[in-house]
Amino acid sequence: MIPKDPVMLLSYINTQLRDFYPSLDALAEGLGVDKSEVEEKLRSIDYTYDAAQNRFV
């Protein structure tokens, strides 16, 4: 289960992307989460996915 709090989610997702997944698509598939829901929740705290850096910035 992934964190529900957006700030905790940001930390968790960026760590997972850094350590285990080459892309947001791979993370969503690997963790069984909805990519658009993750993006929407993190957008609510002004973070967007940067594919070149493979992290939310």
PDB file of N, CA and C in Angstrom:
ATOM      1  N   MET A   1       0.838  -1.181   0.000  1.00  0.00           N
ATOM      2  CA  MET A   1       0.000   0.000   0.000  1.00  0.00           C
ATOM      3  C   MET A   1       0.885   1.247   0.000  1.00  0.00           C
ATOM      4  N   ILE A   2       0.520   2.209  -0.827  1.00  0.00           N
ATOM      5  CA  ILE A   2       1.298   3.442  -0.909  1.00  0.00           C
ATOM      6  C   ILE A   2       0.705   4.486   0.036  1.00  0.00           C
ATOM      7  N   PRO A   3       1.517   5.450   0.473  1.00  0.00           N
ATOM      8  CA  PRO A   3       1.024   6.485   1.384  1.00  0.00           C
ATOM      9  C   PRO A   3      -0.102   7.304   0.756  1.00  0.00           C
ATOM     10  N   LYS A   4      -1.031   7.745   1.577  1.00  0.00           N
ATOM     11  CA  LYS A   4      -2.141   8.573   1.101  1.00  0.00           C
ATOM     12  C   LYS A   4      -1.817  10.061   1.193  1.00  0.00           C
ATOM     13  N   ASP A   5      -1.006  10.432   2.179  1.00  0.00           N
ATOM     14  CA  ASP A   5      -0.602  11.825   2.329  1.00  0.00           C
ATOM     15  C   ASP A   5       0.281  12.227   1.149  1.00  0.00           C
ATOM     16  N   PRO A   6      -0.033  13.337   0.465  1.00  0.00           N
ATOM     17  CA  PRO A   6       0.733  13.716  -0.735  1.00  0.00           C
ATOM     18  C   PRO A   6       2.236  13.912  -0.500  1.00  0.00           C
ATOM     19  N   VAL A   7       2.618  14.486   0.629  1.00  0.00           N
ATOM     20  CA  VAL A   7       4.048  14.717   0.895  1.00  0.00           C
ATOM     21  C   VAL A   7       4.772  13.392   1.133  1.00  0.00           C
ATOM     22  N   MET A   8       4.147  12.514   1.886  1.00  0.00           N
ATOM     23  CA  MET A   8       4.732  11.188   2.111  1.00  0.00           C
ATOM     24  C   MET A   8       4.769  10.398   0.807  1.00  0.00           C
ATOM     25  N   LEU A   9       3.722  10.546   0.001  1.00  0.00           N
ATOM     26  CA  LEU A   9       3.665   9.877  -1.298  1.00  0.00           C
ATOM     27  C   LEU A   9       4.807  10.341  -2.189  1.00  0.00           C
ATOM     28  N   LEU A  10       5.070  11.637  -2.205  1.00  0.00           N
ATOM     29  CA  LEU A  10       6.164  12.182  -3.005  1.00  0.00           C
ATOM     30  C   LEU A  10       7.488  11.519  -2.635  1.00  0.00           C
ATOM     31  N   SER A  11       7.777  11.466  -1.362  1.00  0.00           N
ATOM     32  CA  SER A  11       9.025  10.851  -0.914  1.00  0.00           C
ATOM     33  C   SER A  11       9.082   9.380  -1.303  1.00  0.00           C
ATOM     34  N   TYR A  12       8.001   8.672  -1.069  1.00  0.00           N
ATOM     35  CA  TYR A  12       7.944   7.241  -1.385  1.00  0.00           C
ATOM     36  C   TYR A  12       8.130   6.987  -2.882  1.00  0.00           C
ATOM     37  N   ILE A  13       7.381   7.717  -3.698  1.00  0.00           N
ATOM     38  CA  ILE A  13       7.435   7.504  -5.156  1.00  0.00           C
ATOM     39  C   ILE A  13       8.815   7.842  -5.700  1.00  0.00           C
ATOM     40  N   ASN A  14       9.376   8.975  -5.288  1.00  0.00           N
ATOM     41  CA  ASN A  14      10.701   9.334  -5.803  1.00  0.00           C
ATOM     42  C   ASN A  14      11.766   8.330  -5.373  1.00  0.00           C
ATOM     43  N   THR A  15      11.655   7.798  -4.175  1.00  0.00           N
ATOM     44  CA  THR A  15      12.602   6.771  -3.729  1.00  0.00           C
ATOM     45  C   THR A  15      12.447   5.502  -4.564  1.00  0.00           C
ATOM     46  N   GLN A  16      11.219   5.092  -4.804  1.00  0.00           N
ATOM     47  CA  GLN A  16      10.967   3.906  -5.623  1.00  0.00           C
ATOM     48  C   GLN A  16      11.494   4.102  -7.045  1.00  0.00           C
ATOM     49  N   LEU A  17      11.260   5.279  -7.608  1.00  0.00           N
ATOM     50  CA  LEU A  17      11.757   5.566  -8.958  1.00  0.00           C
ATOM     51  C   LEU A  17      13.281   5.543  -8.991  1.00  0.00           C
ATOM     52  N   ARG A  18      13.895   6.110  -8.000  1.00  0.00           N
ATOM     53  CA  ARG A  18      15.362   6.148  -7.952  1.00  0.00           C
ATOM     54  C   ARG A  18      15.962   4.755  -7.796  1.00  0.00           C
ATOM     55  N   ASP A  19      15.365   3.948  -6.919  1.00  0.00           N
ATOM     56  CA  ASP A  19      15.990   2.678  -6.544  1.00  0.00           C
ATOM     57  C   ASP A  19      15.545   1.460  -7.347  1.00  0.00           C
ATOM     58  N   PHE A  20      14.331   1.483  -7.884  1.00  0.00           N
ATOM     59  CA  PHE A  20      13.787   0.254  -8.461  1.00  0.00           C
ATOM     60  C   PHE A  20      13.171   0.348  -9.852  1.00  0.00           C
ATOM     61  N   TYR A  21      12.689   1.517 -10.261  1.00  0.00           N
ATOM     62  CA  TYR A  21      11.913   1.590 -11.503  1.00  0.00           C
ATOM     63  C   TYR A  21      12.504   2.599 -12.482  1.00  0.00           C
ATOM     64  N   PRO A  22      12.617   2.206 -13.750  1.00  0.00           N
ATOM     65  CA  PRO A  22      13.200   3.101 -14.756  1.00  0.00           C
ATOM     66  C   PRO A  22      12.232   4.164 -15.273  1.00  0.00           C
ATOM     67  N   SER A  23      10.943   4.060 -14.903  1.00  0.00           N
ATOM     68  CA  SER A  23       9.960   5.036 -15.381  1.00  0.00           C
ATOM     69  C   SER A  23       8.721   5.002 -14.492  1.00  0.00           C
ATOM     70  N   LEU A  24       7.902   6.023 -14.630  1.00  0.00           N
ATOM     71  CA  LEU A  24       6.643   6.064 -13.889  1.00  0.00           C
ATOM     72  C   LEU A  24       5.708   4.954 -14.345  1.00  0.00           C
ATOM     73  N   ASP A  25       5.720   4.656 -15.631  1.00  0.00           N
ATOM     74  CA  ASP A  25       4.890   3.558 -16.146  1.00  0.00           C
ATOM     75  C   ASP A  25       5.293   2.223 -15.506  1.00  0.00           C
ATOM     76  N   ALA A  26       6.591   1.971 -15.411  1.00  0.00           N
ATOM     77  CA  ALA A  26       7.076   0.730 -14.807  1.00  0.00           C
ATOM     78  C   ALA A  26       6.703   0.668 -13.327  1.00  0.00           C
ATOM     79  N   LEU A  27       6.796   1.796 -12.636  1.00  0.00           N
ATOM     80  CA  LEU A  27       6.421   1.844 -11.226  1.00  0.00           C
ATOM     81  C   LEU A  27       4.935   1.531 -11.063  1.00  0.00           C
ATOM     82  N   ALA A  28       4.093   2.178 -11.858  1.00  0.00           N
ATOM     83  CA  ALA A  28       2.646   1.957 -11.758  1.00  0.00           C
ATOM     84  C   ALA A  28       2.298   0.493 -11.998  1.00  0.00           C
ATOM     85  N   GLU A  29       2.919  -0.104 -12.986  1.00  0.00           N
ATOM     86  CA  GLU A  29       2.672  -1.516 -13.277  1.00  0.00           C
ATOM     87  C   GLU A  29       3.205  -2.411 -12.150  1.00  0.00           C
ATOM     88  N   GLY A  30       4.405  -2.114 -11.702  1.00  0.00           N
ATOM     89  CA  GLY A  30       5.037  -2.935 -10.675  1.00  0.00           C
ATOM     90  C   GLY A  30       4.329  -2.882  -9.326  1.00  0.00           C
ATOM     91  N   LEU A  31       3.816  -1.711  -8.982  1.00  0.00           N
ATOM     92  CA  LEU A  31       3.137  -1.553  -7.692  1.00  0.00           C
ATOM     93  C   LEU A  31       1.626  -1.745  -7.793  1.00  0.00           C
ATOM     94  N   GLY A  32       1.132  -1.838  -9.029  1.00  0.00           N
ATOM     95  CA  GLY A  32      -0.307  -2.004  -9.218  1.00  0.00           C
ATOM     96  C   GLY A  32      -1.104  -0.775  -8.828  1.00  0.00           C
ATOM     97  N   VAL A  33      -0.554   0.403  -9.137  1.00  0.00           N
ATOM     98  CA  VAL A  33      -1.250   1.650  -8.831  1.00  0.00           C
ATOM     99  C   VAL A  33      -1.648   2.349 -10.125  1.00  0.00           C
ATOM    100  N   ASP A  34      -2.611   3.235 -10.018  1.00  0.00           N
ATOM    101  CA  ASP A  34      -3.075   4.017 -11.158  1.00  0.00           C
ATOM    102  C   ASP A  34      -2.154   5.225 -11.327  1.00  0.00           C
ATOM    103  N   LYS A  35      -1.433   5.248 -12.425  1.00  0.00           N
ATOM    104  CA  LYS A  35      -0.471   6.312 -12.696  1.00  0.00           C
ATOM    105  C   LYS A  35      -1.125   7.694 -12.642  1.00  0.00           C
ATOM    106  N   SER A  36      -2.296   7.830 -13.215  1.00  0.00           N
ATOM    107  CA  SER A  36      -2.953   9.137 -13.248  1.00  0.00           C
ATOM    108  C   SER A  36      -3.367   9.603 -11.851  1.00  0.00           C
ATOM    109  N   GLU A  37      -3.721   8.677 -10.979  1.00  0.00           N
ATOM    110  CA  GLU A  37      -4.067   9.050  -9.597  1.00  0.00           C
ATOM    111  C   GLU A  37      -2.836   9.558  -8.853  1.00  0.00           C
ATOM    112  N   VAL A  38      -1.712   8.898  -9.069  1.00  0.00           N
ATOM    113  CA  VAL A  38      -0.466   9.345  -8.445  1.00  0.00           C
ATOM    114  C   VAL A  38      -0.115  10.737  -8.956  1.00  0.00           C
ATOM    115  N   GLU A  39      -0.171  10.929 -10.264  1.00  0.00           N
ATOM    116  CA  GLU A  39       0.150  12.232 -10.846  1.00  0.00           C
ATOM    117  C   GLU A  39      -0.787  13.310 -10.326  1.00  0.00           C
ATOM    118  N   GLU A  40      -2.066  13.014 -10.237  1.00  0.00           N
ATOM    119  CA  GLU A  40      -3.054  13.985  -9.760  1.00  0.00           C
ATOM    120  C   GLU A  40      -2.789  14.374  -8.303  1.00  0.00           C
ATOM    121  N   LYS A  41      -2.520  13.383  -7.469  1.00  0.00           N
ATOM    122  CA  LYS A  41      -2.274  13.659  -6.052  1.00  0.00           C
ATOM    123  C   LYS A  41      -1.016  14.507  -5.882  1.00  0.00           C
ATOM    124  N   LEU A  42       0.028  14.209  -6.643  1.00  0.00           N
ATOM    125  CA  LEU A  42       1.257  14.976  -6.517  1.00  0.00           C
ATOM    126  C   LEU A  42       1.145  16.344  -7.178  1.00  0.00           C
ATOM    127  N   ARG A  43       0.303  16.453  -8.185  1.00  0.00           N
ATOM    128  CA  ARG A  43       0.040  17.758  -8.794  1.00  0.00           C
ATOM    129  C   ARG A  43      -0.632  18.686  -7.776  1.00  0.00           C
ATOM    130  N   SER A  44      -1.392  18.109  -6.836  1.00  0.00           N
ATOM    131  CA  SER A  44      -2.079  18.914  -5.820  1.00  0.00           C
ATOM    132  C   SER A  44      -1.092  19.622  -4.894  1.00  0.00           C
ATOM    133  N   ILE A  45       0.153  19.156  -4.844  1.00  0.00           N
ATOM    134  CA  ILE A  45       1.192  19.843  -4.067  1.00  0.00           C
ATOM    135  C   ILE A  45       2.268  20.408  -5.006  1.00  0.00           C
ATOM    136  N   ASP A  46       1.861  20.645  -6.247  1.00  0.00           N
ATOM    137  CA  ASP A  46       2.701  21.310  -7.261  1.00  0.00           C
ATOM    138  C   ASP A  46       3.932  20.534  -7.708  1.00  0.00           C
ATOM    139  N   TYR A  47       3.805  19.216  -7.801  1.00  0.00           N
ATOM    140  CA  TYR A  47       4.876  18.383  -8.335  1.00  0.00           C
ATOM    141  C   TYR A  47       4.386  17.682  -9.593  1.00  0.00           C
ATOM    142  N   THR A  48       5.251  17.628 -10.593  1.00  0.00           N
ATOM    143  CA  THR A  48       4.937  16.915 -11.832  1.00  0.00           C
ATOM    144  C   THR A  48       6.084  15.970 -12.154  1.00  0.00           C
ATOM    145  N   TYR A  49       5.759  14.940 -12.919  1.00  0.00           N
ATOM    146  CA  TYR A  49       6.767  13.943 -13.273  1.00  0.00           C
ATOM    147  C   TYR A  49       7.661  14.463 -14.380  1.00  0.00           C
ATOM    148  N   ASP A  50       8.957  14.354 -14.181  1.00  0.00           N
ATOM    149  CA  ASP A  50       9.963  14.717 -15.189  1.00  0.00           C
ATOM    150  C   ASP A  50      10.597  13.414 -15.657  1.00  0.00           C
ATOM    151  N   ALA A  51      10.249  12.989 -16.864  1.00  0.00           N
ATOM    152  CA  ALA A  51      10.733  11.715 -17.394  1.00  0.00           C
ATOM    153  C   ALA A  51      12.254  11.701 -17.570  1.00  0.00           C
ATOM    154  N   ALA A  52      12.837  12.849 -17.929  1.00  0.00           N
ATOM    155  CA  ALA A  52      14.282  12.896 -18.130  1.00  0.00           C
ATOM    156  C   ALA A  52      15.035  12.626 -16.818  1.00  0.00           C
ATOM    157  N   GLN A  53      14.467  13.101 -15.717  1.00  0.00           N
ATOM    158  CA  GLN A  53      15.092  12.883 -14.409  1.00  0.00           C
ATOM    159  C   GLN A  53      14.516  11.665 -13.697  1.00  0.00           C
ATOM    160  N   ASN A  54      13.437  11.121 -14.234  1.00  0.00           N
ATOM    161  CA  ASN A  54      12.709   9.992 -13.639  1.00  0.00           C
ATOM    162  C   ASN A  54      12.367  10.270 -12.173  1.00  0.00           C
ATOM    163  N   ARG A  55      11.766  11.425 -11.960  1.00  0.00           N
ATOM    164  CA  ARG A  55      11.306  11.783 -10.613  1.00  0.00           C
ATOM    165  C   ARG A  55      10.301  12.918 -10.694  1.00  0.00           C
ATOM    166  N   PHE A  56       9.610  13.112  -9.595  1.00  0.00           N
ATOM    167  CA  PHE A  56       8.681  14.236  -9.499  1.00  0.00           C
ATOM    168  C   PHE A  56       9.451  15.444  -8.986  1.00  0.00           C
ATOM    169  N   VAL A  57       9.282  16.547  -9.684  1.00  0.00           N
ATOM    170  CA  VAL A  57       9.980  17.804  -9.327  1.00  0.00           C
ATOM    171  C   VAL A  57       8.985  18.934  -9.234  1.00  0.00           C
TER     172      VAL A  57
END
